[in-house]
N, C-alpha and C. Protein backbone atom coordinates (compact mmCIF):
# COMPACT_ATOMS: atom_id res chain seq x y z
N UNK A 1 12.64 1.60 39.09
CA UNK A 1 12.37 2.99 39.40
C UNK A 1 10.92 3.30 39.07
N UNK A 2 10.24 3.91 40.02
CA UNK A 2 8.84 4.27 39.81
C UNK A 2 8.71 5.76 39.58
N UNK A 3 7.71 6.13 38.82
CA UNK A 3 7.40 7.54 38.60
C UNK A 3 6.18 7.88 39.42
N UNK A 4 5.72 9.09 39.33
CA UNK A 4 4.50 9.48 40.03
C UNK A 4 3.38 8.54 39.63
N UNK A 5 2.65 8.10 40.63
CA UNK A 5 1.57 7.18 40.35
C UNK A 5 2.02 5.73 40.44
N UNK A 6 3.30 5.48 40.74
CA UNK A 6 3.79 4.13 40.92
C UNK A 6 4.03 3.36 39.64
N UNK A 7 4.09 4.01 38.50
CA UNK A 7 4.30 3.34 37.22
C UNK A 7 5.74 3.48 36.79
N UNK A 8 6.27 2.45 36.21
CA UNK A 8 7.62 2.54 35.65
C UNK A 8 7.53 3.31 34.35
N UNK A 9 8.65 3.94 33.91
CA UNK A 9 8.61 4.66 32.64
C UNK A 9 8.19 3.77 31.48
N UNK A 10 8.57 2.48 31.54
CA UNK A 10 8.21 1.55 30.48
C UNK A 10 6.69 1.38 30.42
N UNK A 11 6.06 1.27 31.57
CA UNK A 11 4.61 1.11 31.61
C UNK A 11 3.92 2.37 31.09
N UNK A 12 4.46 3.53 31.43
CA UNK A 12 3.87 4.78 30.95
C UNK A 12 3.97 4.86 29.42
N UNK A 13 5.11 4.43 28.89
CA UNK A 13 5.29 4.42 27.43
C UNK A 13 4.32 3.47 26.76
N UNK A 14 4.12 2.32 27.38
CA UNK A 14 3.19 1.34 26.82
C UNK A 14 1.75 1.86 26.87
N UNK A 15 1.41 2.55 27.98
CA UNK A 15 0.07 3.12 28.07
C UNK A 15 -0.14 4.17 26.97
N UNK A 16 0.86 5.02 26.78
CA UNK A 16 0.76 6.05 25.75
C UNK A 16 0.62 5.41 24.37
N UNK A 17 1.39 4.35 24.14
CA UNK A 17 1.32 3.66 22.85
C UNK A 17 -0.05 3.01 22.68
N UNK A 18 -0.57 2.40 23.75
CA UNK A 18 -1.90 1.78 23.68
C UNK A 18 -2.97 2.83 23.38
N UNK A 19 -2.84 4.00 23.98
CA UNK A 19 -3.81 5.08 23.72
C UNK A 19 -3.71 5.55 22.27
N UNK A 20 -2.48 5.63 21.76
CA UNK A 20 -2.28 6.02 20.37
C UNK A 20 -2.90 4.98 19.43
N UNK A 21 -2.72 3.71 19.75
CA UNK A 21 -3.32 2.64 18.94
C UNK A 21 -4.84 2.72 18.97
N UNK A 22 -5.38 2.98 20.17
CA UNK A 22 -6.83 3.09 20.30
C UNK A 22 -7.37 4.25 19.46
N UNK A 23 -6.69 5.39 19.52
CA UNK A 23 -7.13 6.55 18.74
C UNK A 23 -7.04 6.26 17.24
N UNK A 24 -5.96 5.60 16.84
CA UNK A 24 -5.80 5.23 15.42
C UNK A 24 -6.89 4.27 15.00
N UNK A 25 -7.19 3.29 15.85
CA UNK A 25 -8.24 2.33 15.54
C UNK A 25 -9.59 3.02 15.39
N UNK A 26 -9.88 3.96 16.28
CA UNK A 26 -11.16 4.67 16.20
C UNK A 26 -11.24 5.48 14.90
N UNK A 27 -10.13 6.11 14.52
CA UNK A 27 -10.10 6.86 13.27
C UNK A 27 -10.28 5.93 12.08
N UNK A 28 -9.63 4.76 12.15
CA UNK A 28 -9.78 3.78 11.07
C UNK A 28 -11.23 3.35 10.94
N UNK A 29 -11.87 3.08 12.07
CA UNK A 29 -13.27 2.66 12.04
C UNK A 29 -14.15 3.70 11.37
N UNK A 30 -13.86 4.97 11.63
CA UNK A 30 -14.69 6.03 11.07
C UNK A 30 -14.40 6.30 9.60
N UNK A 31 -13.11 6.34 9.24
CA UNK A 31 -12.72 6.79 7.90
C UNK A 31 -12.47 5.66 6.90
N UNK A 32 -12.13 4.49 7.40
CA UNK A 32 -11.71 3.41 6.51
C UNK A 32 -12.78 2.97 5.50
N UNK A 33 -14.04 2.85 5.88
CA UNK A 33 -15.01 2.38 4.88
C UNK A 33 -15.06 3.26 3.63
N UNK A 34 -15.04 4.57 3.80
CA UNK A 34 -15.08 5.47 2.63
C UNK A 34 -13.80 5.35 1.82
N UNK A 35 -12.66 5.26 2.51
CA UNK A 35 -11.39 5.12 1.80
C UNK A 35 -11.32 3.78 1.09
N UNK A 36 -11.86 2.75 1.72
CA UNK A 36 -11.86 1.42 1.11
C UNK A 36 -12.65 1.43 -0.19
N UNK A 37 -13.82 2.05 -0.16
CA UNK A 37 -14.64 2.14 -1.38
C UNK A 37 -13.92 2.93 -2.46
N UNK A 38 -13.29 4.01 -2.06
CA UNK A 38 -12.54 4.83 -3.02
C UNK A 38 -11.39 4.03 -3.62
N UNK A 39 -10.70 3.27 -2.78
CA UNK A 39 -9.58 2.46 -3.27
C UNK A 39 -10.07 1.34 -4.18
N UNK A 40 -11.19 0.71 -3.82
CA UNK A 40 -11.73 -0.37 -4.66
C UNK A 40 -12.12 0.13 -6.04
N UNK A 41 -12.47 1.40 -6.14
CA UNK A 41 -12.90 1.97 -7.42
C UNK A 41 -11.73 2.37 -8.32
N UNK A 42 -10.51 2.25 -7.81
CA UNK A 42 -9.35 2.66 -8.60
C UNK A 42 -9.24 1.82 -9.86
N UNK A 43 -9.09 2.50 -10.98
CA UNK A 43 -8.79 1.87 -12.26
C UNK A 43 -7.74 2.75 -12.94
N UNK A 44 -6.72 2.11 -13.45
CA UNK A 44 -5.64 2.84 -14.13
C UNK A 44 -5.45 2.24 -15.50
N UNK A 45 -5.36 3.11 -16.51
CA UNK A 45 -5.06 2.68 -17.87
C UNK A 45 -3.69 3.21 -18.24
N UNK A 46 -2.87 2.33 -18.74
CA UNK A 46 -1.52 2.68 -19.17
C UNK A 46 -1.36 2.27 -20.62
N UNK A 47 -0.69 3.13 -21.40
CA UNK A 47 -0.42 2.81 -22.81
C UNK A 47 1.05 2.48 -22.97
N UNK A 48 1.32 1.62 -23.93
CA UNK A 48 2.71 1.30 -24.26
C UNK A 48 3.37 2.51 -24.90
N UNK A 49 4.71 2.48 -24.96
CA UNK A 49 5.44 3.61 -25.55
C UNK A 49 5.00 3.88 -26.99
N UNK A 50 4.73 2.82 -27.73
CA UNK A 50 4.34 3.00 -29.13
C UNK A 50 2.85 3.28 -29.29
N UNK A 51 2.10 3.22 -28.19
CA UNK A 51 0.67 3.52 -28.23
C UNK A 51 -0.20 2.41 -28.79
N UNK A 52 0.39 1.25 -29.07
CA UNK A 52 -0.37 0.16 -29.68
C UNK A 52 -1.05 -0.75 -28.67
N UNK A 53 -0.64 -0.66 -27.42
CA UNK A 53 -1.20 -1.51 -26.37
C UNK A 53 -1.69 -0.61 -25.24
N UNK A 54 -2.91 -0.87 -24.76
CA UNK A 54 -3.45 -0.16 -23.60
C UNK A 54 -3.99 -1.20 -22.63
N UNK A 55 -3.57 -1.10 -21.37
CA UNK A 55 -4.02 -2.03 -20.35
C UNK A 55 -4.68 -1.25 -19.22
N UNK A 56 -5.85 -1.72 -18.80
CA UNK A 56 -6.55 -1.13 -17.66
C UNK A 56 -6.58 -2.16 -16.55
N UNK A 57 -6.15 -1.73 -15.35
CA UNK A 57 -6.13 -2.63 -14.20
C UNK A 57 -6.92 -1.99 -13.06
N UNK A 58 -7.35 -2.85 -12.14
CA UNK A 58 -8.05 -2.39 -10.95
C UNK A 58 -7.09 -2.20 -9.79
N UNK A 59 -7.65 -1.89 -8.64
CA UNK A 59 -6.86 -1.59 -7.45
C UNK A 59 -5.95 -2.74 -7.04
N UNK A 60 -6.38 -3.96 -7.27
CA UNK A 60 -5.59 -5.13 -6.90
C UNK A 60 -4.64 -5.57 -8.01
N UNK A 61 -4.60 -4.81 -9.08
CA UNK A 61 -3.73 -5.17 -10.19
C UNK A 61 -4.36 -6.14 -11.16
N UNK A 62 -5.65 -6.42 -10.98
CA UNK A 62 -6.34 -7.33 -11.88
C UNK A 62 -6.59 -6.65 -13.22
N UNK A 63 -6.33 -7.38 -14.28
CA UNK A 63 -6.51 -6.85 -15.63
C UNK A 63 -8.00 -6.73 -15.93
N UNK A 64 -8.45 -5.53 -16.21
CA UNK A 64 -9.86 -5.28 -16.50
C UNK A 64 -10.09 -5.24 -18.00
N UNK A 65 -9.14 -4.65 -18.72
CA UNK A 65 -9.30 -4.50 -20.16
C UNK A 65 -7.93 -4.42 -20.81
N UNK A 66 -7.83 -5.03 -21.98
CA UNK A 66 -6.62 -4.96 -22.79
C UNK A 66 -7.04 -4.57 -24.20
N UNK A 67 -6.50 -3.46 -24.67
CA UNK A 67 -6.81 -3.00 -26.03
C UNK A 67 -5.55 -3.08 -26.88
N UNK A 68 -5.71 -3.68 -28.06
CA UNK A 68 -4.60 -3.81 -29.01
C UNK A 68 -4.97 -3.07 -30.29
N UNK A 69 -4.14 -2.14 -30.66
CA UNK A 69 -4.35 -1.40 -31.90
C UNK A 69 -4.16 -2.36 -33.07
N UNK A 70 -5.00 -2.32 -34.10
CA UNK A 70 -4.85 -3.22 -35.24
C UNK A 70 -3.48 -3.14 -35.92
N UNK A 71 -2.78 -2.04 -35.72
CA UNK A 71 -1.45 -1.92 -36.34
C UNK A 71 -0.43 -2.91 -35.78
N UNK A 72 -0.76 -3.58 -34.67
CA UNK A 72 0.20 -4.55 -34.12
C UNK A 72 0.42 -5.71 -35.10
N UNK A 73 -0.56 -5.95 -35.96
CA UNK A 73 -0.45 -7.08 -36.89
C UNK A 73 0.51 -6.80 -38.04
N UNK A 74 0.96 -5.57 -38.16
CA UNK A 74 1.93 -5.24 -39.21
C UNK A 74 3.31 -5.80 -38.89
N UNK A 75 3.55 -6.00 -37.61
CA UNK A 75 4.84 -6.59 -37.21
C UNK A 75 4.58 -8.04 -36.80
N UNK A 76 5.36 -8.92 -37.32
CA UNK A 76 5.22 -10.34 -36.99
C UNK A 76 6.18 -10.71 -35.85
N UNK A 77 6.06 -10.04 -34.73
CA UNK A 77 6.97 -10.25 -33.61
C UNK A 77 6.15 -10.58 -32.36
N UNK A 78 5.76 -11.84 -32.24
CA UNK A 78 4.92 -12.26 -31.12
C UNK A 78 5.62 -12.01 -29.78
N UNK A 79 6.92 -12.31 -29.71
CA UNK A 79 7.66 -12.12 -28.46
C UNK A 79 7.69 -10.64 -28.08
N UNK A 80 7.95 -9.79 -29.05
CA UNK A 80 7.96 -8.35 -28.79
C UNK A 80 6.61 -7.84 -28.32
N UNK A 81 5.54 -8.34 -28.94
CA UNK A 81 4.20 -7.95 -28.53
C UNK A 81 3.92 -8.41 -27.10
N UNK A 82 4.27 -9.65 -26.80
CA UNK A 82 4.07 -10.18 -25.45
C UNK A 82 4.82 -9.35 -24.42
N UNK A 83 6.06 -8.99 -24.73
CA UNK A 83 6.86 -8.17 -23.81
C UNK A 83 6.23 -6.79 -23.62
N UNK A 84 5.73 -6.20 -24.70
CA UNK A 84 5.08 -4.89 -24.62
C UNK A 84 3.83 -4.97 -23.75
N UNK A 85 3.04 -6.00 -23.95
CA UNK A 85 1.83 -6.19 -23.14
C UNK A 85 2.21 -6.33 -21.67
N UNK A 86 3.20 -7.16 -21.38
CA UNK A 86 3.62 -7.39 -20.00
C UNK A 86 4.12 -6.09 -19.35
N UNK A 87 4.98 -5.36 -20.05
CA UNK A 87 5.49 -4.09 -19.50
C UNK A 87 4.36 -3.09 -19.25
N UNK A 88 3.41 -3.04 -20.18
CA UNK A 88 2.30 -2.10 -20.05
C UNK A 88 1.43 -2.45 -18.85
N UNK A 89 1.15 -3.72 -18.67
CA UNK A 89 0.35 -4.16 -17.52
C UNK A 89 1.10 -3.86 -16.22
N UNK A 90 2.39 -4.16 -16.17
CA UNK A 90 3.17 -3.89 -14.95
C UNK A 90 3.17 -2.39 -14.62
N UNK A 91 3.29 -1.55 -15.63
CA UNK A 91 3.27 -0.10 -15.40
C UNK A 91 1.91 0.34 -14.85
N UNK A 92 0.83 -0.23 -15.39
CA UNK A 92 -0.51 0.10 -14.91
C UNK A 92 -0.70 -0.36 -13.47
N UNK A 93 -0.21 -1.56 -13.14
CA UNK A 93 -0.32 -2.08 -11.78
C UNK A 93 0.43 -1.17 -10.81
N UNK A 94 1.64 -0.75 -11.17
CA UNK A 94 2.42 0.13 -10.30
C UNK A 94 1.69 1.44 -10.05
N UNK A 95 1.08 2.01 -11.08
CA UNK A 95 0.33 3.26 -10.91
C UNK A 95 -0.92 3.05 -10.05
N UNK A 96 -1.59 1.91 -10.21
CA UNK A 96 -2.77 1.62 -9.39
C UNK A 96 -2.36 1.48 -7.92
N UNK A 97 -1.25 0.79 -7.66
CA UNK A 97 -0.77 0.66 -6.28
C UNK A 97 -0.42 2.02 -5.70
N UNK A 98 0.23 2.86 -6.48
CA UNK A 98 0.56 4.22 -6.02
C UNK A 98 -0.70 4.97 -5.64
N UNK A 99 -1.74 4.81 -6.44
CA UNK A 99 -3.00 5.52 -6.18
C UNK A 99 -3.64 5.02 -4.88
N UNK A 100 -3.62 3.71 -4.64
CA UNK A 100 -4.17 3.15 -3.40
C UNK A 100 -3.38 3.66 -2.20
N UNK A 101 -2.06 3.70 -2.31
CA UNK A 101 -1.22 4.23 -1.23
C UNK A 101 -1.59 5.68 -0.94
N UNK A 102 -1.80 6.49 -1.99
CA UNK A 102 -2.20 7.89 -1.82
C UNK A 102 -3.55 8.00 -1.10
N UNK A 103 -4.48 7.15 -1.47
CA UNK A 103 -5.82 7.19 -0.87
C UNK A 103 -5.75 6.92 0.63
N UNK A 104 -4.94 5.94 1.03
CA UNK A 104 -4.86 5.56 2.44
C UNK A 104 -3.85 6.37 3.24
N UNK A 105 -3.11 7.27 2.59
CA UNK A 105 -2.06 8.04 3.27
C UNK A 105 -2.55 8.79 4.52
N UNK A 106 -3.79 9.30 4.56
CA UNK A 106 -4.22 9.97 5.79
C UNK A 106 -4.31 9.03 7.00
N UNK A 107 -4.43 7.73 6.76
CA UNK A 107 -4.59 6.79 7.87
C UNK A 107 -3.40 5.85 8.06
N UNK A 108 -2.74 5.50 6.97
CA UNK A 108 -1.68 4.49 7.03
C UNK A 108 -0.41 5.09 6.41
N UNK A 109 0.72 5.00 7.13
CA UNK A 109 1.96 5.50 6.55
C UNK A 109 2.22 4.84 5.19
N UNK A 110 2.62 5.63 4.19
CA UNK A 110 2.79 5.09 2.83
C UNK A 110 3.68 3.86 2.76
N UNK A 111 4.80 3.86 3.49
CA UNK A 111 5.70 2.70 3.41
C UNK A 111 5.04 1.45 3.99
N UNK A 112 4.20 1.64 5.01
CA UNK A 112 3.49 0.50 5.59
C UNK A 112 2.41 -0.01 4.62
N UNK A 113 1.69 0.90 3.99
CA UNK A 113 0.66 0.50 3.04
C UNK A 113 1.27 -0.21 1.84
N UNK A 114 2.40 0.33 1.35
CA UNK A 114 3.07 -0.29 0.20
C UNK A 114 3.52 -1.71 0.57
N UNK A 115 4.10 -1.89 1.76
CA UNK A 115 4.53 -3.22 2.19
C UNK A 115 3.34 -4.16 2.27
N UNK A 116 2.21 -3.66 2.76
CA UNK A 116 1.00 -4.48 2.84
C UNK A 116 0.51 -4.88 1.45
N UNK A 117 0.46 -3.92 0.54
CA UNK A 117 0.00 -4.20 -0.82
C UNK A 117 0.90 -5.23 -1.49
N UNK A 118 2.20 -5.10 -1.27
CA UNK A 118 3.16 -6.00 -1.90
C UNK A 118 3.27 -7.34 -1.17
N UNK A 119 2.53 -7.49 -0.06
CA UNK A 119 2.54 -8.75 0.67
C UNK A 119 3.82 -9.00 1.44
N UNK A 120 4.52 -7.92 1.80
CA UNK A 120 5.80 -8.04 2.51
C UNK A 120 5.54 -8.03 4.01
N UNK A 121 5.19 -9.18 4.56
CA UNK A 121 4.85 -9.30 5.98
C UNK A 121 6.02 -8.90 6.86
N UNK A 122 7.24 -9.26 6.48
CA UNK A 122 8.41 -8.89 7.28
C UNK A 122 8.52 -7.37 7.43
N UNK A 123 8.32 -6.65 6.34
CA UNK A 123 8.40 -5.19 6.39
C UNK A 123 7.29 -4.61 7.25
N UNK A 124 6.09 -5.16 7.16
CA UNK A 124 4.97 -4.68 7.97
C UNK A 124 5.29 -4.88 9.45
N UNK A 125 5.76 -6.07 9.81
CA UNK A 125 6.08 -6.36 11.21
C UNK A 125 7.24 -5.49 11.70
N UNK A 126 8.23 -5.27 10.86
CA UNK A 126 9.36 -4.41 11.24
C UNK A 126 8.89 -2.98 11.49
N UNK A 127 8.02 -2.47 10.65
CA UNK A 127 7.50 -1.12 10.83
C UNK A 127 6.69 -1.02 12.12
N UNK A 128 5.90 -2.04 12.40
CA UNK A 128 5.12 -2.04 13.64
C UNK A 128 6.05 -2.08 14.85
N UNK A 129 7.10 -2.86 14.76
CA UNK A 129 8.07 -2.97 15.84
C UNK A 129 8.74 -1.63 16.12
N UNK A 130 9.07 -0.90 15.06
CA UNK A 130 9.70 0.41 15.22
C UNK A 130 8.76 1.40 15.90
N UNK A 131 7.47 1.21 15.76
CA UNK A 131 6.51 2.13 16.37
C UNK A 131 6.30 1.83 17.85
N UNK A 132 6.66 0.63 18.27
CA UNK A 132 6.50 0.26 19.68
C UNK A 132 7.51 1.02 20.52
N UNK A 133 7.13 1.44 21.73
CA UNK A 133 8.11 2.10 22.61
C UNK A 133 9.21 1.12 22.98
N UNK A 134 10.42 1.62 23.09
CA UNK A 134 11.56 0.79 23.45
C UNK A 134 11.52 0.50 24.94
N UNK A 135 11.86 -0.73 25.30
CA UNK A 135 11.96 -1.09 26.72
C UNK A 135 13.19 -0.44 27.30
N UNK A 136 13.03 0.12 28.46
CA UNK A 136 14.18 0.68 29.16
C UNK A 136 14.48 -0.19 30.37
N UNK A 137 15.76 -0.48 30.61
CA UNK A 137 16.08 -1.31 31.78
C UNK A 137 15.68 -0.57 33.05
N UNK A 138 15.09 -1.31 33.97
CA UNK A 138 14.65 -0.70 35.23
C UNK A 138 15.83 -0.56 36.17
N UNK A 139 15.88 0.55 36.86
CA UNK A 139 16.93 0.79 37.85
C UNK A 139 16.51 0.16 39.16
N UNK A 140 17.48 -0.29 39.98
CA UNK A 140 17.12 -0.90 41.28
C UNK A 140 16.50 0.07 42.22
């Protein structure tokens, strides 16, 4: 079945999607560099519940600084200290990722950005697939 102009509805949907992608790409080209710099500058510091451990991480979750209060030496619990450090770093990484997602929210849907940050290629591809227009069977 053809529509005005001799195009099938599927082709019209694909054209509209291509135009949407082009507009998004143009916006990304204009806005992404500033957002990228802002995201790269993200640093988050998280303290442990007891306040004895502070971890600062960057946008990629890289550990920038680890501060240990001298009072940690009063307890002879190496395993407990290691667990506290690990939990504190993980909490800081999660907050840094949240901040990067917030920064890119004007350009990239949060769930897509989170999947990208977490390296979940399947989720990224699934989200892209959902954005594609659905094929409609052509009528004779």
